[in-house]
Protein backbone atom coordinates (compact mmCIF):
# COMPACT_ATOMS: atom_id res chain seq x y z
CA MET A 1 0.00 0.00 0.00
CA ASN A 2 1.47 3.34 -1.08
CA LYS A 3 1.63 6.45 1.07
CA LYS A 4 -1.24 8.10 -0.78
CA ASN A 5 -3.66 5.25 -0.03
CA THR A 6 -2.51 5.07 3.58
CA TYR A 7 -3.11 8.80 3.98
CA LEU A 8 -6.60 8.48 2.43
CA ILE A 9 -7.56 5.63 4.77
CA LEU A 10 -6.35 7.56 7.81
CA LEU A 11 -8.27 10.65 6.70
CA LEU A 12 -11.49 8.68 6.13
CA SER A 13 -11.05 6.97 9.52
CA PHE A 14 -10.64 10.35 11.20
CA PHE A 15 -13.85 11.69 9.64
CA PHE A 16 -15.72 8.49 10.55
CA VAL A 17 -14.68 8.80 14.23
CA LEU A 18 -15.55 12.51 14.17
CA LEU A 19 -18.97 11.80 12.66
CA LEU A 20 -19.62 8.98 15.14
CA GLY A 21 -18.60 11.17 18.08
CA THR A 22 -20.85 14.00 16.90
CA GLY A 23 -23.78 11.62 16.58
CA VAL A 24 -23.25 10.23 20.07
CA TYR A 25 -22.98 13.78 21.47
CA PHE A 26 -26.28 14.88 19.97
CA LEU A 27 -27.95 11.65 21.07
CA ILE A 28 -26.82 12.25 24.67
CA GLN A 29 -27.93 15.87 24.46
CA ALA A 30 -31.34 14.80 23.20
CA LYS A 31 -31.77 12.44 26.16
CA THR A 32 -30.46 14.75 28.88
CA ASP A 33 -32.02 17.97 27.59
CA SER A 34 -35.35 16.95 26.12
CA SER A 35 -37.30 19.88 27.59
CA PRO A 36 -38.70 22.22 24.95
CA LYS A 37 -36.95 25.58 24.85
CA TYR A 38 -38.98 28.77 24.66
CA ASN A 39 -37.82 32.35 24.71
CA VAL A 40 -40.09 33.97 27.28
CA ASP A 41 -39.85 37.54 28.50
CA LYS A 42 -40.36 36.65 32.21
CA TYR A 43 -39.91 33.71 34.59
CA GLU A 44 -37.79 31.66 32.20
CA ASP A 45 -37.07 28.99 34.85
CA VAL A 46 -40.64 27.71 34.85
CA THR A 47 -40.25 26.55 31.25
CA ASN A 48 -37.93 23.82 32.56
CA TRP A 49 -39.51 23.23 35.97
CA CYS A 50 -43.12 22.74 34.91
CA ASP A 51 -45.34 21.16 32.26
CA THR A 52 -45.57 23.10 28.99
CA SER A 53 -48.06 23.03 26.12
CA THR A 54 -48.80 25.17 23.08
CA ASN A 55 -51.96 25.91 21.14
CA ASP A 56 -52.51 28.41 18.36
CA ASN A 57 -50.31 31.36 19.27
CA GLN A 58 -50.06 30.67 23.02
CA LEU A 59 -47.67 28.92 25.37
CA ASN A 60 -49.16 27.56 28.62
CA ILE A 61 -47.02 26.49 31.57
CA ASP A 62 -48.68 24.62 34.46
CA CYS A 63 -46.82 24.70 37.80
CA LYS A 64 -47.72 22.93 41.03
CA ALA A 65 -46.43 24.99 43.94
CA LEU A 66 -46.60 25.78 47.65
CA LEU A 67 -47.74 29.33 48.39
CA LEU A 68 -45.60 31.00 51.02
CA GLU A 69 -47.06 34.50 50.94
CA ILE A 70 -49.05 37.03 48.92
CA ARG A 71 -47.56 40.50 49.27
CA ILE A 72 -49.65 43.52 48.30
CA ILE A 73 -47.32 46.13 46.82
CA ASP A 74 -49.97 48.76 46.12
CA GLU A 75 -53.57 48.80 44.93
CA ASN A 76 -52.50 47.71 41.45
CA HIS A 77 -49.59 45.32 42.09
CA SER A 78 -48.92 42.19 44.15
CA CYS A 79 -46.29 39.49 44.55
CA ALA A 80 -46.73 35.79 45.18
CA ASP A 81 -43.80 34.03 46.87
CA LEU A 82 -43.84 30.30 46.15
CA GLN A 83 -41.91 27.07 46.08
CA VAL A 84 -42.47 25.30 42.79
CA ILE A 85 -42.59 21.48 42.89
CA THR A 86 -40.60 20.66 39.77
CA LYS A 87 -41.02 17.69 37.46
CA GLU A 88 -38.01 16.17 39.27
CA ASN A 89 -39.78 16.68 42.64
CA GLU A 90 -37.40 19.40 43.76
CA LEU A 91 -38.51 22.61 45.48
CA LYS A 92 -37.52 25.82 43.71
CA ASN A 93 -38.14 29.32 45.08
CA ILE A 94 -39.77 31.95 42.87
CA SER A 95 -41.49 35.32 43.32
CA ILE A 96 -44.13 36.39 40.80
CA CYS A 97 -44.63 40.17 40.88
CA GLU A 98 -47.17 41.60 38.46
CA ASN A 99 -49.89 44.11 37.78
CA ASN A 100 -53.26 42.90 39.04
CA GLU A 101 -54.48 42.80 35.45
CA VAL A 102 -51.88 40.09 34.78
CA ILE A 103 -51.90 38.02 38.00
CA SER A 104 -55.14 36.70 39.49
CA TYR A 105 -56.02 34.66 42.56
CA SER A 106 -59.13 32.61 43.26
CA ASN A 107 -61.03 33.49 46.45
CA ASP A 108 -59.82 30.42 48.35
CA VAL A 109 -56.22 31.32 47.48
CA LEU A 110 -56.72 34.85 48.83
CA ALA A 111 -57.83 33.25 52.11
CA TYR A 112 -54.73 31.03 52.09
CA LYS A 113 -52.79 29.32 54.81
CA LYS A 114 -49.02 29.38 54.39
CA LEU A 115 -47.73 26.48 52.26
CA MET A 116 -51.14 26.12 50.58
CA PRO A 117 -50.72 23.87 47.49
CA VAL A 118 -51.69 25.86 44.39
CA ASP A 119 -51.88 25.43 40.65
CA MET A 120 -50.26 28.30 38.75
CA VAL A 121 -50.82 28.64 35.02
CA PHE A 122 -48.59 31.04 33.09
CA THR A 123 -49.97 32.07 29.70
CA TYR A 124 -47.66 33.61 27.11
CA ASP A 125 -48.66 35.06 23.73
CA LYS A 126 -46.46 34.49 20.72
CA GLY A 127 -44.34 37.47 19.76
CA ASN A 128 -43.05 38.57 16.37
CA ASP A 129 -40.20 36.06 16.25
CA THR A 130 -40.87 32.35 15.77
CA ASN A 131 -40.11 31.16 19.29
CA ASP A 132 -40.56 34.34 21.37
CA TYR A 133 -43.39 34.59 23.90
CA VAL A 134 -44.68 37.48 26.02
CA LEU A 135 -46.40 36.95 29.38
CA SER A 136 -50.11 37.80 29.25
CA SER A 137 -51.54 36.27 32.45
CA VAL A 138 -50.83 34.23 35.57
CA SER A 139 -53.78 32.51 37.23
CA THR A 140 -53.51 30.99 40.70
CA ILE A 141 -56.07 28.51 42.05
CA LYS A 142 -56.10 26.01 44.90
CA LEU A 143 -54.68 22.65 43.88
CA GLU A 144 -57.36 20.01 43.30
CA GLU A 145 -57.76 17.39 46.02
CA SER A 146 -57.46 14.63 43.42
CA TYR A 147 -53.86 15.70 42.72
CA ILE A 148 -52.87 15.29 46.38
CA GLN A 149 -54.85 12.06 46.71
CA ASP A 150 -52.94 10.62 43.76
CA ILE A 151 -49.65 11.56 45.44
CA VAL A 152 -50.70 9.90 48.72
CA ASN A 153 -51.50 6.70 46.81
CA LYS A 154 -48.08 6.81 45.15
CA ASP A 155 -46.44 7.55 48.50
CA ILE A 156 -48.01 4.47 50.09
CA ALA A 157 -47.13 2.31 47.08
CA ASN A 158 -43.50 3.41 47.47
CA LEU A 159 -43.44 3.06 51.27
CA VAL A 160 -44.39 -0.63 51.22
CA THR A 161 -41.37 -1.40 49.03
CA LEU A 162 -38.93 -0.10 51.65
CA ASP A 163 -37.01 -2.58 53.76
CA PRO A 164 -37.11 -1.66 57.48
CA LYS A 165 -33.73 -3.39 57.83
CA THR A 166 -32.18 -0.44 55.97
CA THR A 167 -32.55 1.66 59.13
CA THR A 168 -31.26 1.04 62.64
CA ILE A 169 -34.41 2.68 64.10
CA GLN A 170 -36.51 -0.34 64.95
CA ASN A 171 -39.72 1.60 65.70
CA SER A 172 -39.77 3.53 62.40
CA VAL A 173 -42.87 1.77 61.02
CA ASP A 174 -44.68 2.37 64.33
CA PHE A 175 -44.98 6.03 63.32
CA CYS A 176 -47.13 5.06 60.32
CA PRO A 177 -50.92 5.55 60.46
CA ALA A 178 -52.85 2.40 61.40
CA PRO A 179 -54.41 0.75 58.31
CA GLU A 180 -57.95 1.35 59.61
CA ILE A 181 -57.55 5.15 59.43
CA LEU A 182 -56.41 5.18 55.79
CA PRO A 183 -58.71 7.43 53.71
CA THR A 184 -61.31 5.95 51.36
CA TYR A 185 -59.45 7.24 48.29
CA ILE A 186 -56.56 4.83 48.89
CA SER A 187 -56.82 2.01 46.35
CA GLN A 188 -57.71 -1.45 47.64
CA GLU A 189 -54.42 -2.85 46.32
CA ASN A 190 -52.45 -0.21 48.22
CA LYS A 191 -54.51 -0.81 51.38
CA ASN A 192 -53.85 -4.56 51.27
CA LYS A 193 -50.09 -4.16 50.69
CA TYR A 194 -49.85 -1.43 53.31
CA THR A 195 -51.71 -3.52 55.91
CA ASP A 196 -49.27 -6.39 55.43
CA PHE A 197 -46.28 -4.03 55.58
CA TYR A 198 -47.58 -2.41 58.78
CA ASN A 199 -48.58 -5.60 60.60
CA ASN A 200 -45.33 -7.37 59.72
CA ASN A 201 -43.05 -4.59 60.96
CA ILE A 202 -44.53 -2.89 64.05
CA LEU A 203 -42.99 -3.67 67.45
CA THR A 204 -44.74 -5.46 70.31
CA GLU A 205 -44.94 -3.98 73.83
CA LYS A 206 -42.33 -6.49 74.97
CA GLU A 207 -39.96 -5.39 72.22
CA TYR A 208 -40.32 -1.79 73.44
CA THR A 209 -39.52 -2.87 76.99
CA ASP A 210 -36.50 -4.88 75.83
CA LEU A 211 -35.18 -1.97 73.75
CA TYR A 212 -35.53 0.51 76.60
CA THR A 213 -33.96 -1.92 79.08
CA GLU A 214 -30.95 -2.10 76.77
CA GLU A 215 -30.76 1.63 75.99
CA PHE A 216 -31.30 2.89 79.54
CA SER A 217 -28.63 0.52 80.89
CA THR A 218 -26.01 2.64 79.12
CA ALA A 219 -24.92 5.84 80.85
CA PHE A 220 -25.48 9.21 79.19
CA LEU A 221 -21.77 9.87 78.61
CA GLU A 222 -21.24 6.39 77.17
CA ASN A 223 -24.03 6.95 74.66
CA TRP A 224 -22.22 10.08 73.53
CA THR A 225 -19.79 7.91 71.57
CA ASN A 226 -22.39 5.83 69.72
CA PRO A 227 -24.42 7.35 66.84
CA THR A 228 -26.58 4.24 66.31
CA ILE A 229 -30.25 5.04 67.00
CA LYS A 230 -32.24 1.91 67.85
CA ILE A 231 -35.38 3.59 69.15
CA LEU A 232 -36.49 7.15 68.35
CA PHE A 233 -39.14 8.99 70.39
CA GLY A 234 -40.58 5.64 71.40
CA CYS A 235 -43.13 7.09 73.80
CA GLU A 236 -44.78 8.83 70.87
CA SER A 237 -44.80 5.77 68.60
CA SER A 238 -45.89 3.31 71.31
CA SER A 239 -48.75 5.65 72.17
CA ARG A 240 -49.90 5.54 68.54
CA LEU A 241 -49.93 1.76 68.77
CA GLY A 242 -52.14 2.01 71.88
CA TYR A 243 -49.60 0.46 74.28
CA LYS A 244 -50.40 1.48 77.87
CA THR A 245 -47.52 -0.04 79.82
CA ILE A 246 -44.64 1.85 78.18
CA CYS A 247 -45.01 5.58 78.86
CA LYS A 248 -47.03 8.21 80.72
CA ASN A 249 -48.89 10.88 78.77
CA VAL A 250 -47.34 13.72 80.80
CA ILE A 251 -44.11 14.14 82.74
CA GLY A 252 -44.19 14.18 86.53
CA ASP A 253 -43.92 17.20 88.81
CA GLU A 254 -40.35 16.23 89.71
CA TYR A 255 -39.42 18.26 86.62
CA GLU A 256 -41.19 21.35 87.88
CA ASN A 257 -37.99 23.06 89.06
CA THR A 258 -35.79 22.18 86.09
CA GLU A 259 -33.68 25.28 85.51
CA LEU A 260 -32.88 24.88 81.80
CA THR A 261 -29.63 26.73 82.33
CA ALA A 262 -28.02 25.79 79.01
CA LEU A 263 -30.66 26.11 76.31
CA PRO A 264 -29.30 24.89 72.94
CA SER A 265 -30.50 27.87 70.93
CA VAL A 266 -27.73 27.93 68.32
CA VAL A 267 -28.03 26.20 64.94
CA SER A 268 -24.51 25.85 63.57
CA ASP A 269 -25.70 25.23 60.00
CA TRP A 270 -29.40 25.66 59.29
CA ASN A 271 -29.10 24.71 55.62
CA SER A 272 -27.17 21.48 56.18
CA THR A 273 -28.94 18.47 54.64
CA LEU A 274 -26.49 15.99 56.16
CA ASN A 275 -26.61 14.33 59.55
CA THR A 276 -23.12 13.71 60.87
CA ASP A 277 -22.37 11.18 63.60
CA LYS A 278 -22.38 14.11 66.03
CA ASP A 279 -25.89 15.10 64.89
CA LEU A 280 -27.17 11.52 65.20
CA ILE A 281 -25.66 11.23 68.70
CA ASN A 282 -27.39 14.47 69.71
CA LEU A 283 -30.69 13.29 68.24
CA LYS A 284 -30.37 9.91 69.96
CA ASN A 285 -29.80 11.50 73.36
CA ILE A 286 -32.60 14.04 72.93
CA SER A 287 -34.89 11.10 72.21
CA LEU A 288 -33.70 9.09 75.22
CA VAL A 289 -34.05 12.06 77.57
CA SER A 290 -37.53 12.84 76.21
CA ASP A 291 -38.58 9.21 76.64
CA GLY A 292 -36.78 8.85 79.96
CA MET A 293 -39.01 11.55 81.45
CA GLN A 294 -42.14 9.58 80.47
CA TYR A 295 -41.08 5.92 80.71
CA LYS A 296 -43.17 4.09 83.34
CA GLN A 297 -40.82 1.35 84.48
CA THR A 298 -37.82 1.82 86.76
CA HIS A 299 -34.68 2.73 84.81
CA ALA A 300 -31.30 4.34 85.33
CA ASN A 301 -29.39 7.16 83.65
CA TYR A 302 -32.15 9.00 81.77
CA TYR A 303 -34.73 10.02 84.33
CA LEU A 304 -33.06 12.68 86.51
CA PRO A 305 -34.08 16.32 85.82
CA SER A 306 -30.39 17.30 85.90
CA ILE A 307 -29.74 15.18 82.81
CA ILE A 308 -31.62 17.76 80.71
CA ASP A 309 -29.07 20.44 81.58
CA TYR A 310 -26.22 18.01 80.80
CA LEU A 311 -27.77 17.27 77.43
CA PHE A 312 -28.39 20.90 76.51
CA LYS A 313 -24.85 21.86 77.52
CA PHE A 314 -23.39 19.20 75.23
CA ILE A 315 -25.55 20.38 72.30
CA SER A 316 -24.75 24.03 72.97
CA ASP A 317 -21.02 23.29 73.09
CA SER A 318 -20.99 21.15 69.95
CA GLY A 319 -23.57 23.04 67.89
CA SER A 320 -26.39 21.41 65.98
CA ASN A 321 -28.07 21.27 62.62
CA GLN A 322 -31.72 22.24 62.30
CA ILE A 323 -33.01 18.66 62.72
CA VAL A 324 -31.35 18.37 66.13
CA TYR A 325 -32.43 21.89 67.08
CA CYS A 326 -36.08 21.27 66.20
CA SER A 327 -36.19 17.87 67.89
CA ASP A 328 -35.59 19.73 71.19
CA TYR A 329 -39.25 20.64 70.73
CA LYS A 330 -40.18 17.22 72.13
CA ILE A 331 -38.52 18.05 75.46
CA TYR A 332 -39.75 21.65 75.67
CA GLU A 333 -43.31 20.56 74.99
CA GLY A 334 -43.30 18.30 78.05
CA LEU A 335 -41.63 20.91 80.26
CA SER A 336 -43.79 23.85 79.13
CA GLN A 337 -46.52 23.03 81.67
CA TYR A 338 -44.02 23.88 84.43
CA ASN A 339 -41.44 26.14 82.89
CA ASN A 340 -41.76 29.55 81.22
CA LYS A 341 -38.32 29.19 79.59
CA ALA A 342 -39.56 26.07 77.82
CA LYS A 343 -42.60 27.98 76.50
CA ILE A 344 -40.32 30.73 75.17
CA GLN A 345 -38.06 28.17 73.53
CA LEU A 346 -41.04 26.46 71.87
CA GLU A 347 -41.97 29.74 70.23
CA GLN A 348 -38.35 30.40 69.30
CA ILE A 349 -38.20 27.12 67.38
CA ARG A 350 -41.46 27.91 65.58
CA THR A 351 -40.29 31.43 64.77
CA LEU A 352 -36.94 30.28 63.39
CA THR A 353 -38.68 27.60 61.32
CA ALA A 354 -41.16 30.14 59.96
CA THR A 355 -38.35 32.58 59.13
CA ASN A 356 -36.50 29.86 57.22
CA ILE A 357 -39.57 28.05 55.91
CA SER A 358 -38.20 27.59 52.38
CA THR A 359 -35.28 25.49 53.72
CA ALA A 360 -37.02 23.91 56.72
CA SER A 361 -36.70 20.11 56.96
CA TYR A 362 -39.15 17.48 58.19
CA MET A 363 -38.33 17.66 61.92
CA CYS A 364 -38.89 21.43 61.93
CA LEU A 365 -42.03 21.26 59.76
CA ASP A 366 -43.46 18.94 62.42
CA THR A 367 -43.51 21.88 64.87
CA LEU A 368 -45.65 24.21 62.72
CA ASP A 369 -49.11 25.30 63.83
CA LYS A 370 -51.64 23.81 61.40
CA LYS A 371 -53.99 26.72 62.09
CA ILE A 372 -51.49 28.89 60.22
CA TYR A 373 -49.84 26.39 57.88
CA SER A 374 -51.62 24.12 55.42
CA LYS A 375 -51.57 20.46 56.45
CA GLU A 376 -51.50 19.48 52.76
CA GLY A 377 -48.58 21.83 52.13
CA ILE A 378 -46.57 20.49 55.08
CA TYR A 379 -47.14 16.97 53.75
CA LEU A 380 -46.02 17.83 50.20
CA LYS A 381 -43.02 19.85 51.37
CA THR A 382 -41.85 17.08 53.70
CA LEU A 383 -42.30 14.54 50.91
CA ASN A 384 -40.03 16.60 48.64
CA THR A 385 -37.32 17.33 51.24
CA GLU A 386 -34.18 15.19 51.27
CA ASP A 387 -33.43 13.18 54.40
CA THR A 388 -30.82 10.82 55.80
CA PRO A 389 -31.25 7.08 55.03
CA VAL A 390 -31.42 6.12 58.71
CA LEU A 391 -34.35 8.53 59.19
CA HIS A 392 -36.11 7.92 55.87
CA ILE A 393 -38.75 5.37 56.94
CA TYR A 394 -39.43 7.29 60.17
CA ASN A 395 -39.91 10.44 58.12
CA GLU A 396 -42.15 8.75 55.53
CA CYS A 397 -44.34 7.14 58.19
CA ASN A 398 -44.60 10.20 60.42
CA ASN A 399 -45.40 12.46 57.46
CA LEU A 400 -48.26 10.18 56.37
CA TYR A 401 -49.57 9.97 59.92
CA GLN A 402 -49.52 13.74 60.46
CA PHE A 403 -51.40 14.24 57.21
CA ILE A 404 -53.96 11.46 57.53
CA SER A 405 -54.75 11.68 61.26
CA ASN A 406 -56.95 14.35 62.77
CA GLU A 407 -54.32 15.52 65.24
């Protein structure tokens, strides 16, 4: 083979590889970036976050969102602050500020609770250029119940596929709603699978006693080296199961003079989505102290009022993320009948959660007053908030219970 032929073969091979690479690139691009692209004059992000459709000379974008606030700017202008639930089930913040001729709210939206689930439809008219659109209206209505009901069904269908062995927290499923209180809109197939999942995984009263015997035999300082949580807020979960021998409903008057001298009021990193070993140790000990105050049987290490001050000092010294900070709520709630500092701290947790509502996680959302915040919105926001694997089943179960029960 002469040099000319060799050169020609090499050149053709180069172009073949180049053509093949270009084809693969555009194929990957088509798969990873399949969303239609529109040039809109306002709120460009929603074209990727939400469902889009076109008809005639209009572009319609339908967004499901949680309404945080409606702000009246003047008699002709208002702003709606929202968290959009994207197609990927992420929460994205957005503020829609428009003339009242452009943005409209249904009457039930105007009487909203914070986090109310809403349906926002953006309508754009086609401009002079082929793919340019100009905003003409934004309509905001309350999200249909059928949408949320469909999500609850999907949530239950997903929950029953989870393996409780993936978490160390043995009472996670006990936080789920009992099968008999499931709403009528849950499909029969989901009810049957859920009932089996629930009955096969809840703990017996004896298992609670055995777990507490083991946990309370370890001293407070020894537990400070072990991040493994075996039982989490067991008095609450055992009460849901109707067990009477485990815990009292209220703490005794021996806690009346608790000084609360070292309140853990500092959140070292509110926006942290991770739970370090330190955070899990703090959460474990908050749970054991909370349960130790209510546990009926004789036990050591976690029943003395002074242990609360020890616990709070450790958390204050080491700092906490928001999940640890908000779980203190369980202790303050019990002490508030005796202690004004505990009442103040309860409100402080609620205030900080409300101030940071867009980044609040499940443990903090649990503290919100449902007279002010939409129960449906809390459910949807919790469902779309990332959590730690060890807490995932607890979070899923507790979120369903809080939504479905009448509490």
